[in-house]
Amino acid sequence: MFRNGTVNIGKSLIQIPSSNVLIEKMKSLDILAGQYFHAFYKKEWLGECEPAISELSIAEAYQVQNMVARKRVQAGEKIVGYKIGCTSSAIRSQFGLTEPINGNLFQPHVFEANVVIDWSDYNHCAIEPEMVLKIGREIRGENLSDSELIDSVEYVSSGIEIHNFKFWNPPPTLQELICSGGIHAGLVVGSAKVSPRDLFFKDEVFYVYKDEVLVTSGPASEIMGGPLHSLRWLVGFLTKKGLSLRKNSLVIPGSPVELVTVDQDTKLKVAVENVGSVVAFFKKHKKEF
């Protein structure tokens, strides 16, 4: 143990954080994780941030995300996969990113098609269209080929990703995006299960409809050049951490279009060319007191 917090290397003197400093840092990150845990369920923010969100390193932001995930698992939820965010060049440029970010998918927040969802249960409810990849075998490695990635996918469905489109510590920062798990709140999965070998991943087109009216669309090539590139990045990210993408995981590789807000009752449909469509009914329920 370096009691004075320094160590000699040649003629240089390098500062080493003391164990007390590290303990205090972990305590502050855990308090911050508790705030995000509370905000997810209660839609409110508790107190000030210490340290400030913008002062966190990217590694520390992912530590907070992992702490939140552990708290949610301890509360009875289950991690069932990953979401990948900031996959478009425009969003990455906005946050000064050279790569996307990722977060977890949780049960019981994965729903089947035609579910009725109370949009007022979310904080500034918004959605994105997604491909949902069901992973058929454990996979790890860096710079995997398209064929290796396709072989790892059991099937592909269409999906609606639900967001709490709320940043608690303005202005929006990359650190808060990571801490919050990519502002992910839920996922609706379509019933169609298409073989990945039947798709031209980068050429598929995504569509979003409100009450059968098209509100936005975009090609899958906007997702880092195609969803397989996004999946490749995730597997590489996990591999560098000594992890793997496990069999039966769900992965949503990102959206080619902007978020679509949901602030009134609507039938919402996402269609992905050659994959199929998925519908969810967003309806505000009357509260009983």
Protein backbone atom coordinates (compact mmCIF):
# COMPACT_ATOMS: atom_id res chain seq x y z
CA MET A 1 0.00 0.00 0.00
CA PHE A 2 1.26 3.48 -0.88
CA ARG A 3 0.47 5.40 2.25
CA ASN A 4 1.71 8.74 0.92
CA GLY A 5 -0.09 8.34 -2.40
CA THR A 6 3.06 8.48 -4.57
CA VAL A 7 5.48 6.00 -6.12
CA ASN A 8 8.89 6.55 -7.74
CA ILE A 9 9.29 5.31 -11.33
CA GLY A 10 12.76 6.23 -12.55
CA LYS A 11 13.11 9.95 -11.96
CA SER A 12 9.37 10.54 -12.07
CA LEU A 13 7.00 10.79 -9.16
CA ILE A 14 3.52 9.47 -10.04
CA GLN A 15 0.48 10.21 -7.92
CA ILE A 16 -1.39 7.09 -6.76
CA PRO A 17 -4.88 7.54 -5.29
CA SER A 18 -5.02 6.39 -1.68
CA SER A 19 -7.41 3.63 -0.67
CA ASN A 20 -9.47 6.21 1.26
CA VAL A 21 -9.83 8.36 -1.85
CA LEU A 22 -10.95 5.35 -3.89
CA ILE A 23 -13.45 4.32 -1.20
CA GLU A 24 -14.92 7.83 -1.09
CA LYS A 25 -15.13 7.90 -4.88
CA MET A 26 -17.03 4.59 -4.95
CA LYS A 27 -19.39 5.87 -2.25
CA SER A 28 -20.15 9.00 -4.27
CA LEU A 29 -20.74 6.94 -7.43
CA ASP A 30 -23.08 4.64 -5.49
CA ILE A 31 -25.05 7.65 -4.20
CA LEU A 32 -25.33 8.90 -7.77
CA ALA A 33 -26.51 5.44 -8.89
CA GLY A 34 -29.15 5.57 -6.17
CA GLN A 35 -30.40 8.86 -7.59
CA TYR A 36 -30.79 7.36 -11.07
CA PHE A 37 -32.43 4.26 -9.60
CA HIS A 38 -34.95 6.48 -7.78
CA ALA A 39 -35.52 8.68 -10.85
CA PHE A 40 -36.36 5.68 -13.05
CA TYR A 41 -39.22 4.58 -10.81
CA LYS A 42 -40.39 7.87 -9.28
CA LYS A 43 -39.80 10.30 -12.16
CA GLU A 44 -38.09 12.80 -9.87
CA TRP A 45 -34.52 13.77 -9.05
CA LEU A 46 -33.22 13.77 -5.49
CA GLY A 47 -30.78 16.48 -4.46
CA GLU A 48 -27.59 17.75 -6.03
CA CYS A 49 -24.98 15.70 -7.85
CA GLU A 50 -21.60 15.26 -6.20
CA PRO A 51 -19.46 14.88 -8.19
CA ALA A 52 -21.13 16.76 -11.04
CA ILE A 53 -22.22 14.48 -13.87
CA SER A 54 -20.04 16.34 -16.36
CA GLU A 55 -16.96 15.68 -14.20
CA LEU A 56 -17.27 11.89 -14.45
CA SER A 57 -14.97 9.98 -16.75
CA ILE A 58 -16.58 7.67 -19.30
CA ALA A 59 -15.39 4.68 -17.25
CA GLU A 60 -16.98 6.16 -14.10
CA ALA A 61 -20.25 6.76 -15.97
CA TYR A 62 -20.35 3.08 -16.94
CA GLN A 63 -19.61 2.21 -13.29
CA VAL A 64 -22.70 4.19 -12.28
CA GLN A 65 -24.74 2.41 -14.98
CA ASN A 66 -23.58 -0.98 -13.63
CA MET A 67 -24.44 0.05 -10.07
CA VAL A 68 -27.94 1.07 -11.17
CA ALA A 69 -28.33 -2.27 -12.94
CA ARG A 70 -27.36 -4.16 -9.77
CA LYS A 71 -29.89 -2.19 -7.76
CA ARG A 72 -32.62 -2.99 -10.28
CA VAL A 73 -31.73 -6.69 -10.23
CA GLN A 74 -31.81 -6.65 -6.44
CA ALA A 75 -35.28 -5.09 -6.72
CA GLY A 76 -36.46 -8.11 -8.74
CA GLU A 77 -35.71 -7.18 -12.35
CA LYS A 78 -33.66 -9.27 -14.78
CA ILE A 79 -31.12 -8.19 -17.40
CA VAL A 80 -32.11 -9.74 -20.74
CA GLY A 81 -29.84 -8.01 -23.22
CA TYR A 82 -28.36 -4.77 -24.51
CA LYS A 83 -29.32 -1.59 -26.29
CA ILE A 84 -26.87 0.37 -28.40
CA GLY A 85 -27.30 4.12 -28.64
CA CYS A 86 -25.72 7.09 -30.39
CA THR A 87 -25.30 5.02 -33.55
CA SER A 88 -25.86 7.87 -36.01
CA SER A 89 -22.99 10.16 -36.97
CA ALA A 90 -25.12 13.24 -36.18
CA ILE A 91 -25.74 12.20 -32.57
CA ARG A 92 -22.11 11.15 -32.03
CA SER A 93 -20.99 14.51 -33.38
CA GLN A 94 -23.38 16.30 -30.99
CA PHE A 95 -21.80 14.60 -27.98
CA GLY A 96 -18.23 14.54 -29.34
CA LEU A 97 -18.22 10.75 -29.57
CA THR A 98 -16.00 8.47 -31.59
CA GLU A 99 -18.12 5.41 -30.78
CA PRO A 100 -21.67 4.62 -29.60
CA ILE A 101 -22.79 3.81 -26.06
CA ASN A 102 -24.63 0.81 -24.63
CA GLY A 103 -27.01 -0.02 -21.83
CA ASN A 104 -29.06 -2.94 -20.52
CA LEU A 105 -32.51 -4.26 -21.39
CA PHE A 106 -34.58 -5.37 -18.40
CA GLN A 107 -37.53 -7.63 -17.72
CA PRO A 108 -40.35 -6.89 -16.91
CA HIS A 109 -39.99 -3.94 -19.30
CA VAL A 110 -40.00 -6.08 -22.48
CA PHE A 111 -43.51 -6.38 -23.91
CA GLU A 112 -45.24 -8.37 -26.63
CA ALA A 113 -46.93 -6.77 -29.64
CA ASN A 114 -50.33 -5.07 -29.25
CA VAL A 115 -49.63 -4.17 -25.63
CA VAL A 116 -51.47 -1.18 -24.16
CA ILE A 117 -48.99 1.24 -22.62
CA ASP A 118 -49.78 4.24 -20.42
CA TRP A 119 -47.55 6.90 -21.93
CA SER A 120 -48.00 9.08 -18.82
CA ASP A 121 -46.07 6.46 -16.82
CA TYR A 122 -42.92 7.65 -18.59
CA ASN A 123 -41.02 10.89 -18.20
CA HIS A 124 -41.37 12.69 -21.55
CA CYS A 125 -42.27 9.48 -23.36
CA ALA A 126 -40.57 8.98 -26.72
CA ILE A 127 -39.90 5.99 -28.97
CA GLU A 128 -37.49 4.78 -31.61
CA PRO A 129 -37.93 2.05 -34.24
CA GLU A 130 -35.62 -0.92 -33.78
CA MET A 131 -34.54 -4.27 -35.12
CA VAL A 132 -34.55 -6.79 -32.28
CA LEU A 133 -31.82 -9.42 -32.59
CA LYS A 134 -32.23 -12.66 -30.63
CA ILE A 135 -28.77 -14.12 -30.02
CA GLY A 136 -28.64 -17.87 -30.65
CA ARG A 137 -25.18 -18.68 -29.33
CA GLU A 138 -22.57 -17.11 -27.08
CA ILE A 139 -20.23 -14.87 -29.03
CA ARG A 140 -17.09 -12.89 -28.28
CA GLY A 141 -14.18 -11.38 -30.18
CA GLU A 142 -13.13 -8.21 -31.94
CA ASN A 143 -13.58 -7.26 -35.60
CA LEU A 144 -15.85 -10.24 -36.26
CA SER A 145 -16.94 -10.83 -39.85
CA ASP A 146 -20.50 -10.31 -41.06
CA SER A 147 -20.90 -14.08 -41.47
CA GLU A 148 -19.78 -14.72 -37.87
CA LEU A 149 -22.27 -12.16 -36.60
CA ILE A 150 -25.12 -13.48 -38.74
CA ASP A 151 -24.39 -17.01 -37.54
CA SER A 152 -24.78 -15.80 -33.94
CA VAL A 153 -28.30 -14.39 -34.53
CA GLU A 154 -31.20 -16.81 -34.12
CA TYR A 155 -33.84 -14.46 -35.53
CA VAL A 156 -34.75 -10.81 -36.10
CA SER A 157 -37.98 -9.04 -35.09
CA SER A 158 -39.20 -5.48 -35.33
CA GLY A 159 -39.32 -3.44 -32.13
CA ILE A 160 -40.41 -0.21 -30.46
CA GLU A 161 -37.91 1.15 -27.95
CA ILE A 162 -39.48 3.33 -25.25
CA HIS A 163 -37.53 6.19 -23.65
CA ASN A 164 -37.75 8.47 -20.67
CA PHE A 165 -36.60 11.41 -22.76
CA LYS A 166 -35.47 13.42 -19.76
CA PHE A 167 -32.03 14.68 -18.76
CA TRP A 168 -32.00 15.56 -15.08
CA ASN A 169 -28.78 17.58 -15.13
CA PRO A 170 -28.85 20.03 -18.05
CA PRO A 171 -27.27 20.56 -20.44
CA PRO A 172 -27.40 16.97 -21.77
CA THR A 173 -24.06 15.19 -21.45
CA LEU A 174 -22.61 11.92 -22.65
CA GLN A 175 -21.98 10.97 -19.02
CA GLU A 176 -25.66 11.28 -18.10
CA LEU A 177 -26.65 9.36 -21.23
CA ILE A 178 -24.44 6.47 -20.08
CA CYS A 179 -25.47 6.67 -16.39
CA SER A 180 -29.13 6.45 -17.40
CA GLY A 181 -28.54 3.42 -19.61
CA GLY A 182 -29.17 5.42 -22.76
CA ILE A 183 -32.46 6.83 -21.33
CA HIS A 184 -33.94 3.40 -22.11
CA ALA A 185 -37.26 2.57 -20.43
CA GLY A 186 -38.79 -0.39 -22.28
CA LEU A 187 -39.13 -2.44 -25.45
CA VAL A 188 -42.05 -3.83 -27.45
CA VAL A 189 -41.12 -6.83 -29.63
CA GLY A 190 -43.00 -7.91 -32.74
CA SER A 191 -44.20 -11.48 -33.20
CA ALA A 192 -42.48 -12.11 -36.57
CA LYS A 193 -39.18 -14.01 -36.32
CA VAL A 194 -37.15 -13.63 -39.50
CA SER A 195 -33.93 -15.48 -40.31
CA PRO A 196 -30.96 -13.08 -40.45
CA ARG A 197 -29.89 -14.82 -43.66
CA ASP A 198 -32.99 -13.44 -45.37
CA LEU A 199 -32.04 -9.82 -44.73
CA PHE A 200 -29.80 -7.22 -46.32
CA PHE A 201 -29.13 -5.55 -43.01
CA LYS A 202 -27.82 -2.16 -44.17
CA ASP A 203 -30.51 -1.81 -46.86
CA GLU A 204 -33.61 -2.39 -44.76
CA VAL A 205 -35.83 0.67 -44.24
CA PHE A 206 -37.49 1.64 -40.95
CA TYR A 207 -40.92 3.32 -40.75
CA VAL A 208 -42.85 4.85 -37.84
CA TYR A 209 -46.62 5.45 -38.03
CA LYS A 210 -48.96 7.23 -35.64
CA ASP A 211 -52.58 6.21 -36.22
CA GLU A 212 -51.52 4.83 -39.63
CA VAL A 213 -49.92 8.16 -40.66
CA LEU A 214 -46.21 7.95 -41.53
CA VAL A 215 -44.23 10.31 -39.29
CA THR A 216 -40.62 9.34 -40.08
CA SER A 217 -38.53 6.78 -41.93
CA GLY A 218 -34.88 6.00 -42.60
CA PRO A 219 -32.51 3.37 -44.00
CA ALA A 220 -30.63 0.96 -41.74
CA SER A 221 -27.38 2.21 -43.25
CA GLU A 222 -27.73 5.22 -40.90
CA ILE A 223 -27.02 2.83 -38.00
CA MET A 224 -23.21 2.96 -38.15
CA GLY A 225 -23.39 1.83 -41.77
CA GLY A 226 -25.76 -1.01 -40.84
CA PRO A 227 -26.96 -2.94 -37.76
CA LEU A 228 -24.23 -5.57 -38.11
CA HIS A 229 -21.60 -2.86 -37.57
CA SER A 230 -23.42 -1.89 -34.38
CA LEU A 231 -23.56 -5.50 -33.19
CA ARG A 232 -19.85 -5.91 -34.02
CA TRP A 233 -19.03 -2.91 -31.87
CA LEU A 234 -21.04 -4.27 -28.91
CA VAL A 235 -19.36 -7.68 -29.05
CA GLY A 236 -15.95 -6.00 -29.20
CA PHE A 237 -16.84 -3.68 -26.29
CA LEU A 238 -17.85 -6.65 -24.13
CA THR A 239 -14.81 -8.70 -25.19
CA LYS A 240 -12.44 -5.93 -24.08
CA LYS A 241 -14.05 -6.14 -20.64
CA GLY A 242 -13.58 -9.92 -20.47
CA LEU A 243 -17.27 -10.54 -21.15
CA SER A 244 -19.24 -12.17 -23.95
CA LEU A 245 -22.61 -11.66 -25.60
CA ARG A 246 -24.61 -14.52 -24.12
CA LYS A 247 -27.00 -16.90 -25.82
CA ASN A 248 -30.67 -15.82 -25.60
CA SER A 249 -29.76 -12.15 -25.18
CA LEU A 250 -31.84 -9.56 -26.98
CA VAL A 251 -29.94 -6.78 -28.75
CA ILE A 252 -31.36 -3.61 -30.26
CA PRO A 253 -28.60 -2.14 -32.45
CA GLY A 254 -29.93 1.39 -32.81
CA SER A 255 -32.30 3.56 -34.80
CA PRO A 256 -31.76 5.36 -38.11
CA VAL A 257 -34.21 8.15 -37.25
CA GLU A 258 -34.83 10.74 -34.56
CA LEU A 259 -36.85 10.05 -31.42
CA VAL A 260 -40.61 10.33 -31.85
CA THR A 261 -42.43 11.87 -28.89
CA VAL A 262 -45.64 10.32 -27.53
CA ASP A 263 -47.70 12.88 -25.60
CA GLN A 264 -51.23 11.81 -26.46
CA ASP A 265 -53.16 8.60 -27.12
CA THR A 266 -52.09 6.93 -30.34
CA LYS A 267 -51.78 3.63 -32.14
CA LEU A 268 -48.08 3.43 -32.84
CA LYS A 269 -46.65 1.10 -35.48
CA VAL A 270 -43.06 0.39 -36.42
CA ALA A 271 -42.34 -1.46 -39.65
CA VAL A 272 -38.95 -2.70 -40.79
CA GLU A 273 -38.76 -3.72 -44.42
CA ASN A 274 -38.44 -7.52 -44.82
CA VAL A 275 -38.73 -7.96 -41.04
CA GLY A 276 -42.36 -7.04 -40.37
CA SER A 277 -44.24 -4.64 -38.15
CA VAL A 278 -45.12 -4.26 -34.49
CA VAL A 279 -47.98 -2.29 -32.96
CA ALA A 280 -48.44 -0.85 -29.48
CA PHE A 281 -51.35 1.22 -28.19
CA PHE A 282 -50.24 4.22 -26.15
CA LYS A 283 -53.16 5.27 -24.00
CA LYS A 284 -53.30 7.39 -20.88
CA HIS A 285 -55.25 5.60 -18.19
CA LYS A 286 -57.49 7.36 -15.71
CA LYS A 287 -55.95 7.24 -12.27
CA GLU A 288 -58.06 6.07 -9.37
CA PHE A 289 -57.49 7.79 -6.03
